[in-house]
Amino acid sequence: MSIEVVFEKRINNVNVYRDVDVAQRRQYFLLTFLSAMFVLGLLLYGWQQYRWLRLGYDIEKLKEKHGMDYDSHASYRFVERTA
């Protein structure tokens, strides 16, 4: 009959120093930058669409306010003159 003796060794990793992987850090920064540009592009696109719709609603509101049909009004219609 054998007796097993186990010595528990506690490892302290506080003093362990790892070199910085420059290539991996560059990839993280590139991924972060590209993600930020993508999100910024989506926000700008959404803002343009919102402004486009808001402008359309404002134009319709002004048309109703003035009570004129700008599409058929002669002074606002572009007429090509033939010489």
Protein backbone atom coordinates (compact mmCIF):
# COMPACT_ATOMS: atom_id res chain seq x y z
CA MET A 1 0.00 0.00 0.00
CA SER A 2 1.47 3.30 -1.10
CA ILE A 3 0.72 6.70 0.27
CA GLU A 4 0.37 9.60 -2.09
CA VAL A 5 1.65 12.92 -0.96
CA VAL A 6 0.61 15.98 -2.92
CA PHE A 7 2.31 19.30 -2.38
CA GLU A 8 0.17 22.23 -3.44
CA LYS A 9 2.22 24.99 -4.96
CA ARG A 10 0.50 28.31 -5.32
CA ILE A 11 1.52 30.17 -8.44
CA ASN A 12 1.65 33.93 -8.29
CA ASN A 13 1.34 35.45 -11.77
CA VAL A 14 1.60 39.04 -10.61
CA ASN A 15 5.26 39.24 -11.47
CA VAL A 16 4.93 37.57 -14.87
CA TYR A 17 5.67 40.00 -17.71
CA ARG A 18 4.56 39.37 -21.28
CA ASP A 19 5.86 41.34 -24.21
CA VAL A 20 3.33 43.31 -26.19
CA ASP A 21 2.44 41.70 -29.50
CA VAL A 22 2.64 44.67 -31.86
CA ALA A 23 0.92 42.93 -34.77
CA GLN A 24 -2.01 41.82 -32.62
CA ARG A 25 -2.35 45.31 -31.10
CA ARG A 26 -2.35 46.83 -34.60
CA GLN A 27 -5.11 44.41 -35.65
CA TYR A 28 -7.20 45.35 -32.61
CA PHE A 29 -6.83 49.06 -33.36
CA LEU A 30 -7.68 48.50 -37.03
CA LEU A 31 -10.77 46.47 -36.14
CA THR A 32 -11.89 49.13 -33.65
CA PHE A 33 -11.33 51.91 -36.18
CA LEU A 34 -13.20 50.09 -38.97
CA SER A 35 -16.08 49.29 -36.63
CA ALA A 36 -16.32 52.92 -35.55
CA MET A 37 -16.31 54.09 -39.19
CA PHE A 38 -19.06 51.60 -40.04
CA VAL A 39 -21.23 52.77 -37.15
CA LEU A 40 -20.56 56.41 -38.04
CA GLY A 41 -21.56 55.71 -41.66
CA LEU A 42 -24.80 54.09 -40.51
CA LEU A 43 -25.58 57.07 -38.29
CA LEU A 44 -24.92 59.55 -41.09
CA TYR A 45 -27.06 57.55 -43.50
CA GLY A 46 -29.90 57.41 -40.99
CA TRP A 47 -29.62 61.13 -40.31
CA GLN A 48 -29.81 61.92 -44.05
CA GLN A 49 -32.88 59.72 -44.46
CA TYR A 50 -34.54 61.39 -41.48
CA ARG A 51 -33.80 64.86 -42.85
CA TRP A 52 -35.08 63.85 -46.30
CA LEU A 53 -38.40 62.66 -44.86
CA ARG A 54 -38.69 65.67 -42.54
CA LEU A 55 -38.11 68.04 -45.48
CA GLY A 56 -40.81 66.28 -47.49
CA TYR A 57 -43.29 66.65 -44.64
CA ASP A 58 -42.39 70.32 -44.24
CA ILE A 59 -42.93 70.97 -47.96
CA GLU A 60 -46.34 69.30 -47.83
CA LYS A 61 -47.28 71.33 -44.75
CA LEU A 62 -46.31 74.58 -46.49
CA LYS A 63 -48.29 73.62 -49.59
CA GLU A 64 -51.37 73.06 -47.44
CA LYS A 65 -50.76 76.30 -45.56
CA HIS A 66 -50.62 78.42 -48.71
CA GLY A 67 -53.47 76.55 -50.39
CA MET A 68 -51.77 76.36 -53.77
CA ASP A 69 -51.10 73.48 -56.05
CA TYR A 70 -47.48 74.16 -56.94
CA ASP A 71 -47.32 71.31 -59.42
CA SER A 72 -49.96 72.78 -61.71
CA HIS A 73 -49.41 76.49 -61.04
CA ALA A 74 -48.10 78.12 -64.22
CA SER A 75 -45.56 80.43 -62.60
CA TYR A 76 -43.85 77.53 -60.82
CA ARG A 77 -43.85 75.11 -63.72
CA PHE A 78 -40.78 74.82 -65.90
CA VAL A 79 -41.70 75.30 -69.52
CA GLU A 80 -39.12 74.75 -72.19
CA ARG A 81 -39.26 77.44 -74.80
CA THR A 82 -38.77 76.55 -78.41
CA ALA A 83 -37.19 79.20 -80.55
